[in-house]
Amino acid sequence: MIELKLPKTPPRAALLLAVLALSSLAGCALQPPQAFEKGNLAKREMTFGADPLEDAFSQHVYFSKEAASGGTGVGGGGCGCN
């Protein structure tokens, strides 16, 4: 039989790792936003793409370079002529 010898981790390091893992989970939000917070979340600045024209241009450049187009508008080839 082959025996695997794993390095022993000191109990202090394992305990520290467990405490860090639990403390990182404690920072997660477990509650949905309150009614008064939803107004801030609905602002235009909170979206990933705040400028629709810039988003459309970025998608056009991406699909032209990738020689493919995804389901986000007019289909076309990768020649950059769409």
N, C-alpha and C. Protein backbone atom coordinates (compact mmCIF):
# COMPACT_ATOMS: atom_id res chain seq x y z
N MET A 1 0.82 -1.18 0.00
CA MET A 1 0.00 0.00 0.00
C MET A 1 0.87 1.25 0.00
N ILE A 2 0.36 2.26 -0.62
CA ILE A 2 1.06 3.54 -0.66
C ILE A 2 0.48 4.43 0.43
N GLU A 3 1.35 4.95 1.23
CA GLU A 3 0.92 5.84 2.30
C GLU A 3 1.15 7.28 1.88
N LEU A 4 0.14 8.08 2.04
CA LEU A 4 0.26 9.51 1.77
C LEU A 4 0.57 10.22 3.07
N LYS A 5 1.62 10.96 3.06
CA LYS A 5 1.98 11.73 4.24
C LYS A 5 1.70 13.19 3.94
N LEU A 6 0.66 13.70 4.54
CA LEU A 6 0.30 15.09 4.37
C LEU A 6 0.98 15.91 5.44
N PRO A 7 1.38 17.12 5.07
CA PRO A 7 1.99 17.97 6.09
C PRO A 7 0.95 18.35 7.14
N LYS A 8 1.36 18.28 8.37
CA LYS A 8 0.44 18.61 9.46
C LYS A 8 0.36 20.12 9.60
N THR A 9 -0.88 20.61 9.64
CA THR A 9 -1.06 22.03 9.88
C THR A 9 -1.19 22.24 11.37
N PRO A 10 -0.51 23.22 11.87
CA PRO A 10 -0.62 23.48 13.30
C PRO A 10 -2.06 23.85 13.65
N PRO A 11 -2.54 23.43 14.81
CA PRO A 11 -3.92 23.73 15.18
C PRO A 11 -4.20 25.23 15.25
N ARG A 12 -3.20 26.01 15.56
CA ARG A 12 -3.39 27.46 15.63
C ARG A 12 -3.70 28.02 14.24
N ALA A 13 -2.99 27.53 13.21
CA ALA A 13 -3.23 28.01 11.85
C ALA A 13 -4.61 27.58 11.36
N ALA A 14 -5.00 26.36 11.69
CA ALA A 14 -6.32 25.87 11.28
C ALA A 14 -7.42 26.67 11.96
N LEU A 15 -7.22 26.98 13.21
CA LEU A 15 -8.20 27.78 13.94
C LEU A 15 -8.30 29.18 13.36
N LEU A 16 -7.17 29.77 13.02
CA LEU A 16 -7.15 31.10 12.41
C LEU A 16 -7.86 31.08 11.06
N LEU A 17 -7.62 30.05 10.29
CA LEU A 17 -8.27 29.92 8.98
C LEU A 17 -9.77 29.80 9.15
N ALA A 18 -10.22 29.02 10.11
CA ALA A 18 -11.65 28.87 10.36
C ALA A 18 -12.29 30.19 10.80
N VAL A 19 -11.60 30.92 11.65
CA VAL A 19 -12.12 32.21 12.12
C VAL A 19 -12.21 33.20 10.96
N LEU A 20 -11.21 33.21 10.10
CA LEU A 20 -11.24 34.12 8.95
C LEU A 20 -12.36 33.75 7.99
N ALA A 21 -12.57 32.46 7.76
CA ALA A 21 -13.64 32.03 6.86
C ALA A 21 -15.01 32.42 7.42
N LEU A 22 -15.21 32.22 8.71
CA LEU A 22 -16.49 32.57 9.31
C LEU A 22 -16.71 34.08 9.35
N SER A 23 -15.66 34.83 9.59
CA SER A 23 -15.82 36.29 9.63
C SER A 23 -16.07 36.86 8.24
N SER A 24 -15.53 36.22 7.20
CA SER A 24 -15.82 36.72 5.85
C SER A 24 -17.27 36.44 5.47
N LEU A 25 -17.83 35.34 5.97
CA LEU A 25 -19.24 35.06 5.70
C LEU A 25 -20.17 35.96 6.50
N ALA A 26 -19.69 36.45 7.61
CA ALA A 26 -20.52 37.31 8.45
C ALA A 26 -20.78 38.66 7.79
N GLY A 27 -19.95 39.06 6.84
CA GLY A 27 -20.13 40.34 6.18
C GLY A 27 -21.16 40.32 5.07
N CYS A 28 -21.67 39.15 4.74
CA CYS A 28 -22.66 39.04 3.66
C CYS A 28 -24.02 39.53 4.15
N ALA A 29 -24.73 40.17 3.24
CA ALA A 29 -26.07 40.66 3.58
C ALA A 29 -27.05 39.50 3.53
N LEU A 30 -27.81 39.35 4.57
CA LEU A 30 -28.79 38.27 4.62
C LEU A 30 -30.21 38.80 4.52
N GLN A 31 -30.37 40.11 4.50
CA GLN A 31 -31.69 40.70 4.45
C GLN A 31 -31.90 41.37 3.10
N PRO A 32 -33.11 41.35 2.58
CA PRO A 32 -33.38 42.12 1.36
C PRO A 32 -33.35 43.61 1.69
N PRO A 33 -33.18 44.46 0.69
CA PRO A 33 -33.15 45.90 0.97
C PRO A 33 -34.49 46.38 1.50
N GLN A 34 -34.41 47.35 2.38
CA GLN A 34 -35.62 47.94 2.95
C GLN A 34 -36.28 48.84 1.91
N ALA A 35 -37.50 49.23 2.16
CA ALA A 35 -38.26 50.04 1.21
C ALA A 35 -37.58 51.37 0.94
N PHE A 36 -36.98 51.97 1.95
CA PHE A 36 -36.34 53.27 1.76
C PHE A 36 -35.00 53.14 1.03
N GLU A 37 -34.44 51.94 0.94
CA GLU A 37 -33.18 51.73 0.23
C GLU A 37 -33.39 51.45 -1.25
N LYS A 38 -34.57 51.05 -1.64
CA LYS A 38 -34.84 50.68 -3.03
C LYS A 38 -34.76 51.87 -3.97
N GLY A 39 -35.01 53.06 -3.46
CA GLY A 39 -34.89 54.25 -4.29
C GLY A 39 -33.46 54.48 -4.74
N ASN A 40 -32.50 54.21 -3.86
CA ASN A 40 -31.09 54.37 -4.23
C ASN A 40 -30.66 53.30 -5.22
N LEU A 41 -31.18 52.09 -5.08
CA LEU A 41 -30.81 51.00 -5.98
C LEU A 41 -31.40 51.18 -7.37
N ALA A 42 -32.46 51.95 -7.50
CA ALA A 42 -33.11 52.16 -8.79
C ALA A 42 -32.49 53.30 -9.60
N LYS A 43 -31.51 53.98 -9.04
CA LYS A 43 -30.89 55.10 -9.77
C LYS A 43 -30.11 54.61 -10.97
N ARG A 44 -29.98 55.46 -11.95
CA ARG A 44 -29.28 55.11 -13.18
C ARG A 44 -27.80 54.81 -12.94
N GLU A 45 -27.21 55.45 -11.96
CA GLU A 45 -25.79 55.23 -11.65
C GLU A 45 -25.52 53.85 -11.11
N MET A 46 -26.55 53.18 -10.60
CA MET A 46 -26.37 51.87 -9.99
C MET A 46 -26.41 50.73 -11.01
N THR A 47 -26.67 51.01 -12.26
CA THR A 47 -26.69 49.97 -13.29
C THR A 47 -25.27 49.69 -13.76
N PHE A 48 -25.08 48.51 -14.33
CA PHE A 48 -23.76 48.17 -14.84
C PHE A 48 -23.42 49.03 -16.05
N GLY A 49 -24.37 49.27 -16.90
CA GLY A 49 -24.16 50.11 -18.07
C GLY A 49 -25.04 51.32 -17.98
N ALA A 50 -24.53 52.42 -17.49
CA ALA A 50 -25.34 53.62 -17.28
C ALA A 50 -25.63 54.35 -18.59
N ASP A 51 -24.80 54.14 -19.61
CA ASP A 51 -24.98 54.83 -20.88
C ASP A 51 -25.34 53.81 -21.96
N PRO A 52 -26.60 53.80 -22.44
CA PRO A 52 -27.00 52.80 -23.43
C PRO A 52 -26.25 52.94 -24.76
N LEU A 53 -25.91 54.16 -25.16
CA LEU A 53 -25.19 54.36 -26.41
C LEU A 53 -23.78 53.77 -26.33
N GLU A 54 -23.12 53.98 -25.20
CA GLU A 54 -21.80 53.41 -25.01
C GLU A 54 -21.84 51.88 -24.96
N ASP A 55 -22.88 51.33 -24.35
CA ASP A 55 -23.04 49.88 -24.31
C ASP A 55 -23.22 49.31 -25.72
N ALA A 56 -24.05 49.97 -26.53
CA ALA A 56 -24.28 49.49 -27.90
C ALA A 56 -22.99 49.55 -28.71
N PHE A 57 -22.21 50.61 -28.53
CA PHE A 57 -20.95 50.73 -29.25
C PHE A 57 -19.96 49.66 -28.81
N SER A 58 -19.88 49.41 -27.51
CA SER A 58 -18.98 48.38 -27.00
C SER A 58 -19.37 47.00 -27.52
N GLN A 59 -20.66 46.71 -27.59
CA GLN A 59 -21.11 45.42 -28.12
C GLN A 59 -20.78 45.30 -29.60
N HIS A 60 -20.94 46.40 -30.34
CA HIS A 60 -20.62 46.38 -31.77
C HIS A 60 -19.14 46.09 -31.98
N VAL A 61 -18.28 46.74 -31.24
CA VAL A 61 -16.84 46.52 -31.37
C VAL A 61 -16.49 45.10 -30.97
N TYR A 62 -17.07 44.59 -29.90
CA TYR A 62 -16.77 43.24 -29.43
C TYR A 62 -17.17 42.20 -30.48
N PHE A 63 -18.41 42.30 -30.99
CA PHE A 63 -18.87 41.30 -31.94
C PHE A 63 -18.15 41.42 -33.27
N SER A 64 -17.71 42.63 -33.63
CA SER A 64 -16.94 42.78 -34.86
C SER A 64 -15.58 42.12 -34.74
N LYS A 65 -14.97 42.24 -33.58
CA LYS A 65 -13.65 41.63 -33.38
C LYS A 65 -13.73 40.13 -33.19
N GLU A 66 -14.81 39.64 -32.59
CA GLU A 66 -14.95 38.21 -32.31
C GLU A 66 -15.48 37.43 -33.49
N ALA A 67 -15.88 38.07 -34.56
CA ALA A 67 -16.43 37.44 -35.76
C ALA A 67 -17.69 36.64 -35.42
N ALA A 68 -18.48 37.15 -34.51
CA ALA A 68 -19.73 36.51 -34.14
C ALA A 68 -20.67 37.56 -33.61
N SER A 69 -21.93 37.24 -33.64
CA SER A 69 -22.89 38.16 -33.04
C SER A 69 -23.85 37.38 -32.19
N GLY A 70 -24.14 37.90 -31.02
CA GLY A 70 -25.04 37.24 -30.09
C GLY A 70 -26.42 37.86 -30.19
N GLY A 71 -27.36 37.33 -29.46
CA GLY A 71 -28.74 37.75 -29.57
C GLY A 71 -29.03 39.11 -28.97
N THR A 72 -28.24 40.11 -29.31
CA THR A 72 -28.47 41.45 -28.76
C THR A 72 -28.80 42.46 -29.83
N GLY A 73 -29.30 42.05 -30.95
CA GLY A 73 -29.67 43.03 -31.96
C GLY A 73 -29.61 42.42 -33.34
N VAL A 74 -29.18 43.21 -34.30
CA VAL A 74 -29.14 42.80 -35.70
C VAL A 74 -28.03 41.81 -35.92
N GLY A 75 -28.32 40.74 -36.63
CA GLY A 75 -27.30 39.74 -36.92
C GLY A 75 -26.37 40.19 -38.03
N GLY A 76 -25.21 39.58 -38.10
CA GLY A 76 -24.27 39.93 -39.16
C GLY A 76 -23.02 39.13 -39.02
N GLY A 77 -22.11 39.33 -39.96
CA GLY A 77 -20.84 38.61 -39.94
C GLY A 77 -19.81 39.32 -39.10
N GLY A 78 -18.61 38.82 -39.12
CA GLY A 78 -17.53 39.40 -38.34
C GLY A 78 -16.69 40.38 -39.12
N CYS A 79 -17.18 40.83 -40.27
CA CYS A 79 -16.37 41.73 -41.10
C CYS A 79 -16.42 43.16 -40.61
N GLY A 80 -17.28 43.46 -39.66
CA GLY A 80 -17.39 44.83 -39.15
C GLY A 80 -18.37 45.66 -39.94
N CYS A 81 -19.13 45.06 -40.84
CA CYS A 81 -20.04 45.80 -41.69
C CYS A 81 -21.49 45.76 -41.19
N ASN A 82 -21.73 45.24 -40.00
CA ASN A 82 -23.12 45.16 -39.53
C ASN A 82 -23.52 46.41 -38.81
